[in-house]
Amino acid sequence: MNQNQLMLPVFVGGTGRSGTSLMGDLIGSHPAFHLPAHENKLISERAGLRDLVRDLSGIPDLLRRHFAVLHFYARAQKVRQFAFREEALNDQVRTRMNLHGQPFQEAFEYIQRQNPQANGSIHAIGQGFGIANFDKCVNELVKKLAVHIDQNGIVDTDGLLRPFFVTRQFDRAEMLVIARDFLCDLYGAKSQLRWVDDTPSNSLAVDFLAELFPDMRFVNMIRSPTDTISSYVKQVWFPSDVKLAEQYISSNLLAAEKLTGTLPAHQTLTLRMEDLVEQPEKTLEMLAEFLDVPNEFNQKLVKSDAAHIGRSKNDSEIQAALSEDLKAWMARHGYA
């Protein structure tokens, strides 16, 4: 490939709990790719680049543009560093992990609920990119967007807005270039290889991702929805409500199916986690062909005992919760 490798990223998406992290690790294990951090929350998720491009190239609204920059910057600070900003609270997390045998997310949840005003995160990407490089890229992006930062702020319906970011009106093409340059700088500091992002919500933003990087590739990870529902209700980041999980997963799968259908066939590949676990060699050969690279993925990363295939087969509550739309999706993808 003669093209700048940083312009040829691979995005992985899915519902979450569907093998996106495993696929990210697999692609990242290949010598032609690098994965500095799992789930870059600054691209397709709330207050990420997708929202920034939309809000700064949309209607000429001063406040909307201020909040677009503010929310992006706040989001970047949230995912800059792992765990709590106060080391004393991190000590409490470690104590619960060591004395009570709790995994990190459970220990973090307990301490966060005890200290609801504490600033912390169960997910961070800054360290993966290098804190200095991460801060530099974020600050340079804000400088490109804000023609003036009023440190005194203004008073509006939302109260005192300080600092207040004043931006000019951008057209969408300009914003796409700015967003693209930000990501190439962020990922390119460590390597000039093709890069990978495995944020699950990428599956709901493939149209934006293709607009941002016209030569990108997208791997859509799917898994039996019943197993996914079973996994969701056990996580600290989702309510323990089977019907709510069914509705959320169903809407995500149907939307992703529609969006991926708009991409050219050479640009997207849908893989079932069950096939990856049960037929790893065949599935990884398909992946290698799709990405136009030799099959040099680390197959040892695929562990069947961690996939819990069929975990919900006899769960009557989950089976009863399945909508007709989701059942039809399951039939189309071999889960009937």
Protein backbone atom coordinates (compact mmCIF):
# COMPACT_ATOMS: atom_id res chain seq x y z
CA MET A 1 0.00 0.00 0.00
CA ASN A 2 1.45 3.36 -1.01
CA GLN A 3 -1.25 5.39 0.69
CA ASN A 4 -0.61 6.92 4.10
CA GLN A 5 -1.33 4.00 6.42
CA LEU A 6 -2.91 6.27 9.04
CA MET A 7 -5.67 7.03 6.53
CA LEU A 8 -6.60 3.33 6.36
CA PRO A 9 -7.97 2.55 9.83
CA VAL A 10 -10.03 -0.46 10.78
CA PHE A 11 -13.11 0.16 12.90
CA VAL A 12 -14.76 -2.64 14.86
CA GLY A 13 -18.30 -2.31 16.15
CA GLY A 14 -21.16 -4.28 17.65
CA THR A 15 -23.59 -4.17 20.53
CA GLY A 16 -20.93 -4.58 23.18
CA ARG A 17 -20.43 -7.99 24.82
CA SER A 18 -20.27 -9.34 21.26
CA GLY A 19 -16.53 -9.83 20.78
CA THR A 20 -15.51 -6.29 19.80
CA SER A 21 -12.61 -6.18 22.29
CA LEU A 22 -11.39 -9.60 21.22
CA MET A 23 -11.51 -8.56 17.58
CA GLY A 24 -9.63 -5.37 18.43
CA ASP A 25 -6.95 -7.42 20.16
CA LEU A 26 -6.72 -9.84 17.25
CA ILE A 27 -6.27 -7.12 14.64
CA GLY A 28 -3.93 -5.25 16.96
CA SER A 29 -1.79 -8.40 17.27
CA HIS A 30 -1.05 -8.29 13.53
CA PRO A 31 2.28 -6.66 12.55
CA ALA A 32 0.51 -4.40 10.04
CA PHE A 33 -1.72 -2.72 12.67
CA HIS A 34 -1.57 -1.05 16.05
CA LEU A 35 -4.14 -0.64 18.82
CA PRO A 36 -2.89 1.91 21.38
CA ALA A 37 -6.10 1.85 23.43
CA HIS A 38 -9.39 0.01 23.48
CA GLU A 39 -12.57 1.96 22.70
CA ASN A 40 -11.57 5.49 21.77
CA LYS A 41 -14.57 7.28 23.25
CA LEU A 42 -13.72 10.48 21.35
CA ILE A 43 -14.84 9.30 17.91
CA SER A 44 -18.36 7.91 17.62
CA GLU A 45 -19.68 8.21 21.17
CA ARG A 46 -21.55 11.08 22.80
CA ALA A 47 -19.60 14.38 22.74
CA GLY A 48 -17.02 12.83 20.42
CA LEU A 49 -15.88 13.88 16.97
CA ARG A 50 -19.14 12.89 15.31
CA ASP A 51 -21.07 15.32 17.51
CA LEU A 52 -18.36 17.95 17.14
CA VAL A 53 -18.47 17.81 13.34
CA ARG A 54 -22.27 17.99 13.37
CA ASP A 55 -22.59 20.88 15.81
CA LEU A 56 -19.81 23.09 14.46
CA SER A 57 -20.88 22.76 10.83
CA GLY A 58 -24.60 22.97 11.46
CA ILE A 59 -26.82 25.92 12.30
CA PRO A 60 -24.96 29.16 13.24
CA ASP A 61 -25.71 29.00 16.96
CA LEU A 62 -23.14 30.58 19.28
CA LEU A 63 -24.20 28.60 22.34
CA ARG A 64 -24.43 25.31 20.49
CA ARG A 65 -20.89 25.77 19.22
CA HIS A 66 -19.64 26.65 22.73
CA PHE A 67 -21.20 23.55 24.24
CA ALA A 68 -19.90 21.36 21.41
CA VAL A 69 -16.31 22.33 22.21
CA LEU A 70 -16.89 22.30 25.98
CA HIS A 71 -18.44 18.83 25.97
CA PHE A 72 -15.71 17.40 23.76
CA TYR A 73 -13.01 18.82 26.01
CA ALA A 74 -14.78 17.60 29.16
CA ARG A 75 -15.16 14.14 27.62
CA ALA A 76 -11.47 14.09 26.74
CA GLN A 77 -10.57 14.95 30.33
CA LYS A 78 -12.91 12.23 31.59
CA VAL A 79 -11.19 9.49 29.59
CA ARG A 80 -7.69 10.91 30.00
CA GLN A 81 -6.74 8.85 33.03
CA PHE A 82 -7.91 5.59 34.58
CA ALA A 83 -9.78 5.35 37.92
CA PHE A 84 -10.22 8.30 40.31
CA ARG A 85 -8.31 11.59 40.28
CA GLU A 86 -7.95 11.33 44.08
CA GLU A 87 -5.35 8.72 44.97
CA ALA A 88 -6.98 8.05 48.34
CA LEU A 89 -10.07 6.75 46.55
CA ASN A 90 -7.91 4.56 44.31
CA ASP A 91 -6.41 3.09 47.47
CA GLN A 92 -9.93 2.19 48.58
CA VAL A 93 -10.58 0.52 45.23
CA ARG A 94 -7.40 -1.53 45.55
CA THR A 95 -8.37 -2.50 49.11
CA ARG A 96 -11.71 -3.86 47.96
CA MET A 97 -10.03 -5.74 45.13
CA ASN A 98 -7.42 -7.27 47.44
CA LEU A 99 -9.50 -7.96 50.54
CA HIS A 100 -12.87 -8.75 48.96
CA GLY A 101 -11.68 -10.29 45.71
CA GLN A 102 -13.79 -7.91 43.64
CA PRO A 103 -12.89 -7.22 40.01
CA PHE A 104 -11.96 -3.61 39.26
CA GLN A 105 -15.33 -2.50 37.87
CA GLU A 106 -17.24 -3.79 40.89
CA ALA A 107 -14.79 -2.25 43.34
CA PHE A 108 -14.84 1.05 41.44
CA GLU A 109 -18.66 1.06 41.37
CA TYR A 110 -18.83 0.57 45.15
CA ILE A 111 -16.44 3.45 45.87
CA GLN A 112 -18.10 5.69 43.26
CA ARG A 113 -21.52 5.15 44.87
CA GLN A 114 -20.03 5.99 48.25
CA ASN A 115 -18.49 9.15 46.75
CA PRO A 116 -20.94 10.30 44.03
CA GLN A 117 -19.21 13.65 43.50
CA ALA A 118 -15.78 12.10 42.92
CA ASN A 119 -14.30 12.48 39.45
CA GLY A 120 -13.28 9.14 37.98
CA SER A 121 -13.70 6.73 35.11
CA ILE A 122 -13.80 2.96 34.59
CA HIS A 123 -12.39 3.53 31.13
CA ALA A 124 -9.47 5.63 29.95
CA ILE A 125 -7.45 6.03 26.76
CA GLY A 126 -4.96 8.82 27.57
CA GLN A 127 -2.32 6.50 28.95
CA GLY A 128 -2.50 4.28 25.88
CA PHE A 129 -1.61 7.20 23.61
CA GLY A 130 0.80 8.69 26.11
CA ILE A 131 -0.56 11.41 28.40
CA ALA A 132 1.68 14.13 26.93
CA ASN A 133 0.67 13.26 23.36
CA PHE A 134 -3.00 12.96 24.32
CA ASP A 135 -3.03 16.37 26.02
CA LYS A 136 -1.14 17.95 23.12
CA CYS A 137 -3.58 16.63 20.50
CA VAL A 138 -6.67 17.62 22.48
CA ASN A 139 -5.37 21.12 23.25
CA GLU A 140 -4.30 21.73 19.66
CA LEU A 141 -7.72 20.66 18.44
CA VAL A 142 -9.44 23.11 20.79
CA LYS A 143 -7.13 25.89 19.58
CA LYS A 144 -8.09 25.13 15.97
CA LEU A 145 -11.78 25.37 16.84
CA ALA A 146 -11.90 28.35 19.20
CA VAL A 147 -10.99 31.75 17.76
CA HIS A 148 -11.31 33.14 21.28
CA ILE A 149 -11.67 31.72 24.78
CA ASP A 150 -13.33 34.23 27.06
CA GLN A 151 -12.02 33.44 30.55
CA ASN A 152 -14.61 35.75 32.16
CA GLY A 153 -17.41 33.87 30.48
CA ILE A 154 -20.98 34.96 29.87
CA VAL A 155 -24.19 34.63 31.88
CA ASP A 156 -27.04 32.90 30.11
CA THR A 157 -30.03 30.65 30.85
CA ASP A 158 -27.60 27.95 31.99
CA GLY A 159 -25.93 30.37 34.40
CA LEU A 160 -22.29 31.41 34.26
CA LEU A 161 -20.58 29.81 31.29
CA ARG A 162 -16.89 30.15 32.06
CA PRO A 163 -14.70 29.81 30.12
CA PHE A 164 -16.75 30.56 27.01
CA PHE A 165 -15.54 29.10 23.73
CA VAL A 166 -16.10 31.35 20.71
CA THR A 167 -15.74 29.50 17.42
CA ARG A 168 -16.27 30.52 13.84
CA GLN A 169 -18.71 28.75 11.55
CA PHE A 170 -17.10 25.79 9.78
CA ASP A 171 -18.44 23.90 6.80
CA ARG A 172 -18.65 20.13 7.13
CA ALA A 173 -15.71 19.43 4.82
CA GLU A 174 -13.46 21.64 6.97
CA MET A 175 -14.55 19.90 10.15
CA LEU A 176 -13.93 16.48 8.67
CA VAL A 177 -10.36 17.50 7.80
CA ILE A 178 -9.81 18.82 11.33
CA ALA A 179 -11.22 15.64 12.90
CA ARG A 180 -9.18 13.43 10.57
CA ASP A 181 -5.97 15.31 11.34
CA PHE A 182 -6.64 15.03 15.07
CA LEU A 183 -6.92 11.24 14.86
CA CYS A 184 -3.89 10.85 12.61
CA ASP A 185 -1.83 12.94 15.04
CA LEU A 186 -3.18 11.03 18.03
CA TYR A 187 -2.50 7.57 16.60
CA GLY A 188 0.55 8.54 14.54
CA ALA A 189 2.70 9.63 17.49
CA LYS A 190 3.43 5.99 18.39
CA SER A 191 3.28 4.31 15.00
CA GLN A 192 2.65 5.06 11.34
CA LEU A 193 0.92 1.70 10.88
CA ARG A 194 -2.78 1.29 10.19
CA TRP A 195 -4.69 1.69 13.43
CA VAL A 196 -7.68 -0.01 15.01
CA ASP A 197 -10.57 1.24 17.12
CA ASP A 198 -13.01 -1.21 18.69
CA THR A 199 -15.66 1.06 20.22
CA PRO A 200 -18.94 -0.92 20.06
CA SER A 201 -21.00 2.13 19.03
CA ASN A 202 -18.97 2.36 15.81
CA SER A 203 -21.66 0.12 14.36
CA LEU A 204 -24.14 3.00 14.74
CA ALA A 205 -21.80 5.52 13.11
CA VAL A 206 -20.42 3.69 10.08
CA ASP A 207 -21.78 6.37 7.75
CA PHE A 208 -19.79 9.02 9.63
CA LEU A 209 -16.69 6.80 9.81
CA ALA A 210 -16.80 6.23 6.05
CA GLU A 211 -17.17 9.97 5.51
CA LEU A 212 -14.24 10.64 7.84
CA PHE A 213 -11.98 7.95 6.33
CA PRO A 214 -13.29 6.95 2.88
CA ASP A 215 -10.85 4.01 2.67
CA MET A 216 -11.52 2.63 6.14
CA ARG A 217 -12.65 -0.95 6.77
CA PHE A 218 -15.40 -1.92 9.19
CA VAL A 219 -15.73 -5.24 11.04
CA ASN A 220 -19.22 -5.76 12.43
CA MET A 221 -19.17 -8.23 15.34
CA ILE A 222 -22.40 -10.02 16.16
CA ARG A 223 -23.30 -12.62 18.74
CA SER A 224 -26.42 -14.55 19.69
CA PRO A 225 -28.70 -11.83 21.09
CA THR A 226 -29.85 -14.10 23.89
CA ASP A 227 -26.28 -14.58 25.08
CA THR A 228 -25.66 -10.84 24.71
CA ILE A 229 -28.74 -10.03 26.82
CA SER A 230 -27.60 -12.49 29.46
CA SER A 231 -24.20 -10.79 29.59
CA TYR A 232 -25.59 -7.24 29.63
CA VAL A 233 -27.72 -7.65 32.74
CA LYS A 234 -24.66 -8.83 34.68
CA GLN A 235 -22.61 -5.67 33.99
CA VAL A 236 -22.20 -2.72 36.37
CA TRP A 237 -22.81 -0.29 33.48
CA PHE A 238 -26.29 -1.58 32.56
CA PRO A 239 -29.51 -2.03 34.58
CA SER A 240 -30.40 -5.60 35.57
CA ASP A 241 -33.51 -5.55 33.38
CA VAL A 242 -33.90 -8.27 30.75
CA LYS A 243 -36.62 -6.53 28.74
CA LEU A 244 -34.68 -3.26 28.67
CA ALA A 245 -31.58 -5.15 27.50
CA GLU A 246 -33.62 -6.85 24.77
CA GLN A 247 -34.99 -3.52 23.54
CA TYR A 248 -31.57 -1.87 23.58
CA ILE A 249 -29.80 -4.73 21.82
CA SER A 250 -32.59 -5.19 19.28
CA SER A 251 -32.60 -1.51 18.31
CA ASN A 252 -28.81 -1.51 18.01
CA LEU A 253 -28.67 -4.64 15.87
CA LEU A 254 -31.41 -3.46 13.51
CA ALA A 255 -29.88 0.01 13.13
CA ALA A 256 -26.39 -1.42 12.53
CA GLU A 257 -27.74 -3.87 9.97
CA LYS A 258 -29.36 -1.02 8.06
CA LEU A 259 -26.28 1.23 8.23
CA THR A 260 -23.74 -1.42 7.25
CA GLY A 261 -25.98 -2.26 4.31
CA THR A 262 -25.26 1.19 2.88
CA LEU A 263 -21.50 0.55 2.67
CA PRO A 264 -19.83 -1.01 -0.39
CA ALA A 265 -19.34 -4.77 0.05
CA HIS A 266 -15.54 -4.46 0.07
CA GLN A 267 -15.66 -2.09 3.03
CA THR A 268 -17.56 -4.11 5.62
CA LEU A 269 -17.39 -7.63 7.04
CA THR A 270 -19.85 -9.13 9.50
CA LEU A 271 -18.44 -11.87 11.74
CA ARG A 272 -20.26 -14.01 14.29
CA MET A 273 -18.43 -14.45 17.57
CA GLU A 274 -19.56 -18.08 17.59
CA ASP A 275 -17.73 -18.69 14.30
CA LEU A 276 -14.62 -16.97 15.60
CA VAL A 277 -14.58 -19.23 18.66
CA GLU A 278 -15.61 -22.49 16.99
CA GLN A 279 -13.80 -22.03 13.65
CA PRO A 280 -10.95 -19.61 14.40
CA GLU A 281 -8.68 -20.57 11.50
CA LYS A 282 -11.41 -20.21 8.87
CA THR A 283 -12.73 -16.97 10.39
CA LEU A 284 -9.29 -15.37 10.65
CA GLU A 285 -8.56 -16.31 7.03
CA MET A 286 -11.72 -14.41 6.06
CA LEU A 287 -10.58 -11.46 8.15
CA ALA A 288 -7.11 -11.48 6.57
CA GLU A 289 -8.58 -11.52 3.07
CA PHE A 290 -10.93 -8.70 3.95
CA LEU A 291 -8.10 -6.53 5.33
CA ASP A 292 -5.77 -7.50 2.47
CA VAL A 293 -3.03 -8.82 4.75
CA PRO A 294 -1.48 -12.24 5.42
CA ASN A 295 -3.07 -14.22 8.23
CA GLU A 296 -0.63 -13.31 11.00
CA PHE A 297 -3.17 -12.73 13.76
CA ASN A 298 -2.41 -14.23 17.18
CA GLN A 299 -4.97 -17.05 17.22
CA LYS A 300 -4.04 -17.92 20.81
CA LEU A 301 -6.09 -14.90 21.89
CA VAL A 302 -9.26 -16.82 20.99
CA LYS A 303 -10.35 -18.84 24.04
CA SER A 304 -13.57 -20.80 23.77
CA ASP A 305 -14.08 -21.13 27.53
CA ALA A 306 -14.32 -17.33 27.91
CA ALA A 307 -17.03 -16.92 25.26
CA HIS A 308 -19.89 -18.61 27.16
CA ILE A 309 -21.53 -19.76 23.92
CA GLY A 310 -25.12 -20.84 24.53
CA ARG A 311 -25.18 -19.49 28.09
CA SER A 312 -28.83 -18.37 27.75
CA LYS A 313 -30.24 -21.26 25.72
CA ASN A 314 -32.55 -22.41 28.52
CA ASP A 315 -33.26 -19.01 30.07
CA SER A 316 -37.05 -18.73 29.83
CA GLU A 317 -37.14 -15.06 30.87
CA ILE A 318 -34.82 -14.06 28.03
CA GLN A 319 -36.60 -16.25 25.51
CA ALA A 320 -39.95 -14.71 26.48
CA ALA A 321 -38.57 -11.19 26.10
CA LEU A 322 -37.54 -11.58 22.44
CA SER A 323 -39.50 -9.33 20.08
CA GLU A 324 -40.65 -10.43 16.66
CA ASP A 325 -38.24 -7.96 15.04
CA LEU A 326 -35.32 -9.44 16.93
CA LYS A 327 -36.41 -12.99 16.10
CA ALA A 328 -36.46 -12.02 12.42
CA TRP A 329 -32.93 -10.56 12.74
CA MET A 330 -31.80 -13.79 14.41
CA ALA A 331 -33.20 -15.84 11.52
CA ARG A 332 -31.36 -13.69 8.98
CA HIS A 333 -28.05 -14.21 10.78
CA GLY A 334 -28.25 -17.90 11.59
CA TYR A 335 -29.50 -17.72 15.16
CA ALA A 336 -33.01 -19.10 14.63
